[in-house]
Amino acid sequence: MSHTIVIGYGNFHRQDDGVGHYIVQEVERQAGESIDTVCCHQLGIEQSETIKDYDIVIFADAYVGHREEDLKVASLEATFTQSAFTHHLKPDSLLALTQNIFQKTPKAYIVSVKGYDFDFGTDLSTRTQKWADIAVKKILELSGISK
């Protein structure tokens, strides 16, 4: 089994934007200590130090947009991409930074769940929670743990 970390990020006070946090809690509940987890508001350069020694890194977040699917699981490449904001990184940029500083590039995936309600509150919408539960199963599979 590979050494895996799941990083869930987003604003858990804005309903579906907190889906990354929900996914991390469910992974912890179902996988126990088999998978390491981290929750954060946004990705930053400090996570490069965290992910450098893992075989697999899985990023979990909400997305808003016009994609057809409610759940997207995709592999990531270490590629720096400009962000309109200077205070956070995209997952592929974090991988590129890790590769640059530590000469290490873990296998990485992004698990994105479509968000429908971003109002103030801590409960996920029914639709987002349904897909978040499926996302947890996919993460356990990617990690070599089947439930």
N, C-alpha and C. Protein backbone atom coordinates (compact mmCIF):
# COMPACT_ATOMS: atom_id res chain seq x y z
N MET A 1 0.84 -1.19 0.00
CA MET A 1 0.00 0.00 0.00
C MET A 1 0.89 1.24 0.00
N SER A 2 0.53 2.23 -0.79
CA SER A 2 1.29 3.46 -0.89
C SER A 2 1.00 4.39 0.28
N HIS A 3 1.97 5.21 0.59
CA HIS A 3 1.84 6.22 1.62
C HIS A 3 1.06 7.40 1.01
N THR A 4 -0.16 7.61 1.51
CA THR A 4 -1.09 8.56 0.89
C THR A 4 -1.51 9.65 1.86
N ILE A 5 -1.70 10.87 1.32
CA ILE A 5 -2.29 11.97 2.07
C ILE A 5 -3.43 12.55 1.25
N VAL A 6 -4.51 12.89 1.93
CA VAL A 6 -5.64 13.58 1.31
C VAL A 6 -5.69 14.98 1.91
N ILE A 7 -5.69 15.98 1.05
CA ILE A 7 -5.76 17.38 1.48
C ILE A 7 -7.09 17.94 1.01
N GLY A 8 -7.96 18.23 1.97
CA GLY A 8 -9.25 18.83 1.67
C GLY A 8 -9.18 20.31 1.96
N TYR A 9 -9.63 21.11 1.02
CA TYR A 9 -9.56 22.55 1.23
C TYR A 9 -10.81 23.25 0.75
N GLY A 10 -11.00 24.45 1.26
CA GLY A 10 -12.18 25.25 0.95
C GLY A 10 -12.69 25.91 2.23
N ASN A 11 -13.71 26.70 2.09
CA ASN A 11 -14.28 27.44 3.21
C ASN A 11 -15.48 26.66 3.76
N PHE A 12 -15.27 25.97 4.88
CA PHE A 12 -16.34 25.13 5.42
C PHE A 12 -17.49 25.94 6.01
N HIS A 13 -17.36 27.26 6.06
CA HIS A 13 -18.47 28.11 6.52
C HIS A 13 -19.35 28.57 5.36
N ARG A 14 -19.03 28.10 4.14
CA ARG A 14 -19.81 28.47 2.96
C ARG A 14 -20.39 27.23 2.29
N GLN A 15 -21.10 26.45 3.06
CA GLN A 15 -21.81 25.24 2.65
C GLN A 15 -20.98 24.35 1.72
N ASP A 16 -21.32 24.25 0.44
CA ASP A 16 -20.67 23.29 -0.44
C ASP A 16 -19.18 23.56 -0.66
N ASP A 17 -18.73 24.78 -0.39
CA ASP A 17 -17.30 25.06 -0.51
C ASP A 17 -16.50 24.26 0.52
N GLY A 18 -17.17 23.77 1.54
CA GLY A 18 -16.52 22.96 2.56
C GLY A 18 -16.49 21.47 2.25
N VAL A 19 -16.81 21.07 1.04
CA VAL A 19 -16.87 19.65 0.70
C VAL A 19 -15.51 18.97 0.89
N GLY A 20 -14.42 19.67 0.68
CA GLY A 20 -13.10 19.08 0.91
C GLY A 20 -12.90 18.66 2.36
N HIS A 21 -13.39 19.46 3.27
CA HIS A 21 -13.32 19.14 4.70
C HIS A 21 -14.19 17.92 5.01
N TYR A 22 -15.38 17.89 4.45
CA TYR A 22 -16.28 16.74 4.64
C TYR A 22 -15.62 15.46 4.13
N ILE A 23 -15.02 15.51 2.95
CA ILE A 23 -14.36 14.34 2.38
C ILE A 23 -13.24 13.86 3.28
N VAL A 24 -12.43 14.77 3.80
CA VAL A 24 -11.34 14.38 4.70
C VAL A 24 -11.88 13.69 5.95
N GLN A 25 -12.94 14.24 6.53
CA GLN A 25 -13.52 13.62 7.73
C GLN A 25 -14.02 12.21 7.44
N GLU A 26 -14.63 12.01 6.28
CA GLU A 26 -15.13 10.69 5.92
C GLU A 26 -13.99 9.72 5.63
N VAL A 27 -12.93 10.20 4.98
CA VAL A 27 -11.76 9.35 4.75
C VAL A 27 -11.15 8.93 6.09
N GLU A 28 -11.03 9.87 7.02
CA GLU A 28 -10.51 9.54 8.36
C GLU A 28 -11.37 8.48 9.03
N ARG A 29 -12.69 8.65 8.93
CA ARG A 29 -13.62 7.72 9.58
C ARG A 29 -13.52 6.33 8.96
N GLN A 30 -13.40 6.26 7.65
CA GLN A 30 -13.42 4.97 6.97
C GLN A 30 -12.05 4.30 6.86
N ALA A 31 -10.99 5.09 6.76
CA ALA A 31 -9.66 4.51 6.56
C ALA A 31 -8.80 4.52 7.82
N GLY A 32 -9.26 5.24 8.83
CA GLY A 32 -8.48 5.31 10.07
C GLY A 32 -7.10 5.89 9.82
N GLU A 33 -6.10 5.24 10.35
CA GLU A 33 -4.73 5.73 10.23
C GLU A 33 -4.03 5.25 8.96
N SER A 34 -4.75 4.57 8.08
CA SER A 34 -4.15 4.08 6.84
C SER A 34 -3.84 5.20 5.85
N ILE A 35 -4.56 6.31 5.97
CA ILE A 35 -4.37 7.46 5.08
C ILE A 35 -4.21 8.70 5.96
N ASP A 36 -3.19 9.50 5.67
CA ASP A 36 -3.02 10.77 6.38
C ASP A 36 -3.93 11.82 5.74
N THR A 37 -4.35 12.79 6.54
CA THR A 37 -5.25 13.82 6.04
C THR A 37 -4.86 15.19 6.58
N VAL A 38 -5.25 16.20 5.82
CA VAL A 38 -5.06 17.60 6.22
C VAL A 38 -6.26 18.38 5.70
N CYS A 39 -6.77 19.29 6.51
CA CYS A 39 -7.79 20.23 6.08
C CYS A 39 -7.19 21.63 6.14
N CYS A 40 -7.51 22.44 5.16
CA CYS A 40 -7.05 23.82 5.18
C CYS A 40 -8.04 24.69 4.40
N HIS A 41 -7.93 25.97 4.62
CA HIS A 41 -8.81 26.92 3.94
C HIS A 41 -8.42 27.04 2.46
N GLN A 42 -7.11 27.06 2.21
CA GLN A 42 -6.59 27.14 0.84
C GLN A 42 -5.19 26.56 0.81
N LEU A 43 -4.73 26.23 -0.38
CA LEU A 43 -3.39 25.68 -0.53
C LEU A 43 -2.37 26.81 -0.49
N GLY A 44 -1.25 26.54 0.17
CA GLY A 44 -0.17 27.52 0.25
C GLY A 44 1.17 26.83 0.11
N ILE A 45 2.21 27.62 0.01
CA ILE A 45 3.55 27.06 -0.23
C ILE A 45 4.00 26.14 0.89
N GLU A 46 3.50 26.34 2.09
CA GLU A 46 3.91 25.51 3.23
C GLU A 46 3.52 24.04 3.05
N GLN A 47 2.50 23.76 2.24
CA GLN A 47 2.11 22.37 2.02
C GLN A 47 3.13 21.60 1.18
N SER A 48 4.03 22.30 0.53
CA SER A 48 5.09 21.63 -0.23
C SER A 48 5.92 20.76 0.70
N GLU A 49 6.23 21.28 1.86
CA GLU A 49 6.98 20.53 2.88
C GLU A 49 6.17 19.31 3.34
N THR A 50 4.88 19.47 3.43
CA THR A 50 4.01 18.38 3.88
C THR A 50 3.95 17.25 2.87
N ILE A 51 3.81 17.55 1.58
CA ILE A 51 3.54 16.50 0.60
C ILE A 51 4.79 15.82 0.03
N LYS A 52 5.95 16.37 0.28
CA LYS A 52 7.16 15.90 -0.41
C LYS A 52 7.50 14.43 -0.17
N ASP A 53 7.13 13.86 0.94
CA ASP A 53 7.51 12.49 1.26
C ASP A 53 6.40 11.47 1.04
N TYR A 54 5.31 11.87 0.40
CA TYR A 54 4.20 10.95 0.13
C TYR A 54 4.33 10.35 -1.27
N ASP A 55 3.82 9.13 -1.42
CA ASP A 55 3.76 8.49 -2.73
C ASP A 55 2.58 9.03 -3.53
N ILE A 56 1.46 9.24 -2.83
CA ILE A 56 0.23 9.72 -3.48
C ILE A 56 -0.33 10.90 -2.67
N VAL A 57 -0.69 11.95 -3.40
CA VAL A 57 -1.36 13.11 -2.81
C VAL A 57 -2.69 13.28 -3.53
N ILE A 58 -3.76 13.38 -2.76
CA ILE A 58 -5.09 13.56 -3.34
C ILE A 58 -5.66 14.86 -2.79
N PHE A 59 -5.98 15.77 -3.69
CA PHE A 59 -6.56 17.06 -3.33
C PHE A 59 -8.08 16.96 -3.50
N ALA A 60 -8.83 17.42 -2.51
CA ALA A 60 -10.30 17.37 -2.56
C ALA A 60 -10.85 18.78 -2.38
N ASP A 61 -11.70 19.17 -3.33
CA ASP A 61 -12.22 20.53 -3.31
C ASP A 61 -13.54 20.59 -4.05
N ALA A 62 -14.25 21.69 -3.84
CA ALA A 62 -15.48 21.97 -4.57
C ALA A 62 -15.13 22.74 -5.84
N TYR A 63 -16.01 22.68 -6.81
CA TYR A 63 -15.86 23.54 -7.97
C TYR A 63 -17.21 24.10 -8.36
N VAL A 64 -17.15 25.24 -9.00
CA VAL A 64 -18.33 25.88 -9.56
C VAL A 64 -18.05 26.01 -11.04
N GLY A 65 -18.98 25.68 -11.85
CA GLY A 65 -18.72 25.84 -13.27
C GLY A 65 -19.73 25.14 -14.12
N HIS A 66 -19.37 25.00 -15.37
CA HIS A 66 -20.30 24.49 -16.36
C HIS A 66 -19.97 23.08 -16.82
N ARG A 67 -19.15 22.37 -16.07
CA ARG A 67 -18.88 20.98 -16.44
C ARG A 67 -20.15 20.16 -16.24
N GLU A 68 -20.29 19.16 -17.07
CA GLU A 68 -21.47 18.31 -17.00
C GLU A 68 -21.49 17.42 -15.75
N GLU A 69 -20.31 16.86 -15.42
CA GLU A 69 -20.28 15.89 -14.34
C GLU A 69 -20.29 16.55 -12.96
N ASP A 70 -20.85 15.85 -11.99
CA ASP A 70 -20.89 16.33 -10.62
C ASP A 70 -19.64 15.94 -9.84
N LEU A 71 -18.90 14.98 -10.37
CA LEU A 71 -17.67 14.52 -9.73
C LEU A 71 -16.61 14.34 -10.81
N LYS A 72 -15.45 14.90 -10.56
CA LYS A 72 -14.34 14.71 -11.50
C LYS A 72 -13.12 14.26 -10.72
N VAL A 73 -12.54 13.15 -11.18
CA VAL A 73 -11.29 12.63 -10.61
C VAL A 73 -10.28 12.64 -11.74
N ALA A 74 -9.18 13.36 -11.55
CA ALA A 74 -8.18 13.47 -12.62
C ALA A 74 -6.78 13.45 -12.03
N SER A 75 -5.85 12.89 -12.77
CA SER A 75 -4.46 12.94 -12.34
C SER A 75 -3.91 14.33 -12.62
N LEU A 76 -2.91 14.71 -11.86
CA LEU A 76 -2.31 16.04 -11.98
C LEU A 76 -0.85 15.92 -12.39
N GLU A 77 -0.38 16.91 -13.11
CA GLU A 77 1.03 17.04 -13.47
C GLU A 77 1.61 18.24 -12.72
N ALA A 78 2.90 18.19 -12.46
CA ALA A 78 3.58 19.30 -11.80
C ALA A 78 3.80 20.42 -12.82
N THR A 79 2.89 21.38 -12.83
CA THR A 79 2.93 22.48 -13.79
C THR A 79 2.56 23.76 -13.08
N PHE A 80 3.43 24.76 -13.15
CA PHE A 80 3.10 26.03 -12.53
C PHE A 80 2.09 26.77 -13.39
N THR A 81 1.01 27.21 -12.78
CA THR A 81 0.02 28.03 -13.48
C THR A 81 -0.19 29.31 -12.70
N GLN A 82 -0.24 30.41 -13.41
CA GLN A 82 -0.46 31.71 -12.78
C GLN A 82 -1.83 31.75 -12.12
N SER A 83 -1.88 32.38 -10.99
CA SER A 83 -3.14 32.57 -10.29
C SER A 83 -3.41 34.06 -10.19
N ALA A 84 -4.66 34.42 -10.28
CA ALA A 84 -5.03 35.82 -10.11
C ALA A 84 -4.81 36.28 -8.67
N PHE A 85 -4.66 35.32 -7.78
CA PHE A 85 -4.47 35.62 -6.36
C PHE A 85 -3.08 35.20 -5.94
N THR A 86 -2.44 36.00 -5.13
CA THR A 86 -1.08 35.67 -4.70
C THR A 86 -1.05 34.91 -3.38
N HIS A 87 -2.18 34.72 -2.75
CA HIS A 87 -2.20 34.12 -1.43
C HIS A 87 -2.55 32.63 -1.44
N HIS A 88 -2.68 32.02 -2.60
CA HIS A 88 -2.94 30.58 -2.63
C HIS A 88 -2.40 29.98 -3.92
N LEU A 89 -2.26 28.68 -3.91
CA LEU A 89 -1.74 27.94 -5.07
C LEU A 89 -2.78 26.97 -5.58
N LYS A 90 -2.68 26.64 -6.85
CA LYS A 90 -3.46 25.54 -7.41
C LYS A 90 -2.67 24.25 -7.14
N PRO A 91 -3.35 23.10 -7.10
CA PRO A 91 -2.65 21.85 -6.81
C PRO A 91 -1.47 21.56 -7.75
N ASP A 92 -1.64 21.81 -9.05
CA ASP A 92 -0.54 21.53 -9.98
C ASP A 92 0.66 22.44 -9.74
N SER A 93 0.40 23.66 -9.30
CA SER A 93 1.49 24.58 -8.97
C SER A 93 2.20 24.15 -7.68
N LEU A 94 1.44 23.63 -6.73
CA LEU A 94 2.05 23.12 -5.50
C LEU A 94 2.96 21.93 -5.81
N LEU A 95 2.54 21.08 -6.72
CA LEU A 95 3.38 19.96 -7.14
C LEU A 95 4.65 20.46 -7.82
N ALA A 96 4.53 21.47 -8.68
CA ALA A 96 5.70 22.03 -9.36
C ALA A 96 6.67 22.64 -8.36
N LEU A 97 6.15 23.31 -7.37
CA LEU A 97 7.00 23.88 -6.32
C LEU A 97 7.73 22.78 -5.55
N THR A 98 7.02 21.73 -5.21
CA THR A 98 7.62 20.60 -4.50
C THR A 98 8.72 19.97 -5.34
N GLN A 99 8.47 19.82 -6.61
CA GLN A 99 9.46 19.26 -7.53
C GLN A 99 10.70 20.17 -7.60
N ASN A 100 10.48 21.47 -7.68
CA ASN A 100 11.57 22.43 -7.77
C ASN A 100 12.43 22.48 -6.51
N ILE A 101 11.79 22.51 -5.36
CA ILE A 101 12.52 22.67 -4.09
C ILE A 101 13.12 21.35 -3.61
N PHE A 102 12.34 20.28 -3.66
CA PHE A 102 12.76 19.02 -3.05
C PHE A 102 13.12 17.91 -4.04
N GLN A 103 12.99 18.21 -5.33
CA GLN A 103 13.23 17.21 -6.39
C GLN A 103 12.40 15.95 -6.15
N LYS A 104 11.18 16.14 -5.69
CA LYS A 104 10.26 15.04 -5.44
C LYS A 104 8.91 15.40 -6.03
N THR A 105 8.30 14.44 -6.69
CA THR A 105 6.99 14.67 -7.27
C THR A 105 6.11 13.47 -6.99
N PRO A 106 5.27 13.57 -5.97
CA PRO A 106 4.35 12.45 -5.70
C PRO A 106 3.31 12.33 -6.81
N LYS A 107 2.79 11.14 -6.98
CA LYS A 107 1.65 10.95 -7.87
C LYS A 107 0.48 11.72 -7.25
N ALA A 108 -0.25 12.46 -8.07
CA ALA A 108 -1.28 13.32 -7.50
C ALA A 108 -2.57 13.28 -8.31
N TYR A 109 -3.66 13.49 -7.59
CA TYR A 109 -5.00 13.52 -8.17
C TYR A 109 -5.77 14.69 -7.60
N ILE A 110 -6.69 15.20 -8.39
CA ILE A 110 -7.66 16.16 -7.90
C ILE A 110 -9.03 15.48 -7.92
N VAL A 111 -9.74 15.59 -6.83
CA VAL A 111 -11.10 15.07 -6.73
C VAL A 111 -11.99 16.30 -6.50
N SER A 112 -12.72 16.66 -7.53
CA SER A 112 -13.57 17.86 -7.49
C SER A 112 -15.04 17.48 -7.47
N VAL A 113 -15.74 18.03 -6.52
CA VAL A 113 -17.18 17.79 -6.41
C VAL A 113 -17.89 19.11 -6.70
N LYS A 114 -18.87 19.05 -7.58
CA LYS A 114 -19.59 20.27 -7.93
C LYS A 114 -20.39 20.78 -6.75
N GLY A 115 -20.26 22.08 -6.50
CA GLY A 115 -21.02 22.72 -5.45
C GLY A 115 -22.23 23.45 -6.01
N TYR A 116 -23.30 23.44 -5.25
CA TYR A 116 -24.54 24.08 -5.69
C TYR A 116 -24.99 25.21 -4.78
N ASP A 117 -24.54 25.18 -3.53
CA ASP A 117 -24.99 26.19 -2.56
C ASP A 117 -23.78 26.71 -1.80
N PHE A 118 -23.49 27.99 -1.96
CA PHE A 118 -22.32 28.59 -1.32
C PHE A 118 -22.73 29.70 -0.35
N ASP A 119 -23.94 29.57 0.16
CA ASP A 119 -24.41 30.52 1.15
C ASP A 119 -23.70 30.25 2.48
N PHE A 120 -23.89 31.10 3.46
CA PHE A 120 -23.29 30.88 4.76
C PHE A 120 -23.94 29.69 5.45
N GLY A 121 -23.14 28.84 6.04
CA GLY A 121 -23.63 27.65 6.73
C GLY A 121 -22.61 26.54 6.61
N THR A 122 -22.78 25.49 7.39
CA THR A 122 -21.81 24.40 7.40
C THR A 122 -22.36 23.08 6.84
N ASP A 123 -23.61 23.05 6.44
CA ASP A 123 -24.19 21.84 5.87
C ASP A 123 -24.01 21.83 4.36
N LEU A 124 -23.68 20.66 3.83
CA LEU A 124 -23.60 20.51 2.38
C LEU A 124 -24.99 20.36 1.79
N SER A 125 -25.15 20.79 0.55
CA SER A 125 -26.41 20.54 -0.14
C SER A 125 -26.54 19.03 -0.34
N THR A 126 -27.75 18.56 -0.49
CA THR A 126 -28.01 17.12 -0.66
C THR A 126 -27.25 16.56 -1.85
N ARG A 127 -27.29 17.26 -2.96
CA ARG A 127 -26.63 16.78 -4.18
C ARG A 127 -25.11 16.72 -4.01
N THR A 128 -24.51 17.75 -3.42
CA THR A 128 -23.06 17.75 -3.21
C THR A 128 -22.66 16.65 -2.24
N GLN A 129 -23.43 16.45 -1.18
CA GLN A 129 -23.09 15.39 -0.23
C GLN A 129 -23.15 14.02 -0.87
N LYS A 130 -24.13 13.79 -1.73
CA LYS A 130 -24.24 12.51 -2.43
C LYS A 130 -22.96 12.24 -3.23
N TRP A 131 -22.48 13.23 -3.97
CA TRP A 131 -21.29 13.06 -4.79
C TRP A 131 -20.02 13.04 -3.94
N ALA A 132 -20.04 13.71 -2.81
CA ALA A 132 -18.89 13.66 -1.90
C ALA A 132 -18.72 12.25 -1.34
N ASP A 133 -19.81 11.58 -1.03
CA ASP A 133 -19.72 10.20 -0.54
C ASP A 133 -19.15 9.27 -1.61
N ILE A 134 -19.51 9.50 -2.86
CA ILE A 134 -18.93 8.72 -3.96
C ILE A 134 -17.45 9.06 -4.10
N ALA A 135 -17.10 10.33 -3.92
CA ALA A 135 -15.70 10.76 -3.99
C ALA A 135 -14.85 10.04 -2.95
N VAL A 136 -15.38 9.86 -1.76
CA VAL A 136 -14.65 9.15 -0.70
C VAL A 136 -14.32 7.73 -1.15
N LYS A 137 -15.28 7.05 -1.77
CA LYS A 137 -15.04 5.70 -2.27
C LYS A 137 -13.94 5.70 -3.32
N LYS A 138 -13.96 6.69 -4.21
CA LYS A 138 -12.92 6.79 -5.25
C LYS A 138 -11.55 7.02 -4.61
N ILE A 139 -11.49 7.84 -3.59
CA ILE A 139 -10.22 8.12 -2.90
C ILE A 139 -9.68 6.86 -2.24
N LEU A 140 -10.56 6.10 -1.61
CA LEU A 140 -10.13 4.84 -0.99
C LEU A 140 -9.59 3.88 -2.05
N GLU A 141 -10.21 3.87 -3.21
CA GLU A 141 -9.70 3.03 -4.31
C GLU A 141 -8.33 3.50 -4.78
N LEU A 142 -8.19 4.82 -4.99
CA LEU A 142 -6.90 5.36 -5.43
C LEU A 142 -5.79 5.09 -4.44
N SER A 143 -6.16 4.98 -3.18
CA SER A 143 -5.19 4.76 -2.10
C SER A 143 -4.89 3.28 -1.89
N GLY A 144 -5.60 2.42 -2.59
CA GLY A 144 -5.40 0.98 -2.41
C GLY A 144 -6.20 0.40 -1.28
N ILE A 145 -7.16 1.17 -0.79
CA ILE A 145 -8.03 0.70 0.29
C ILE A 145 -9.45 0.65 -0.26
N SER A 146 -10.02 -0.49 -0.35
CA SER A 146 -11.39 -0.62 -0.85
C SER A 146 -12.34 -0.84 0.32
N LYS A 147 -13.42 -0.13 0.33
CA LYS A 147 -14.44 -0.28 1.38
C LYS A 147 -15.74 -0.68 0.75
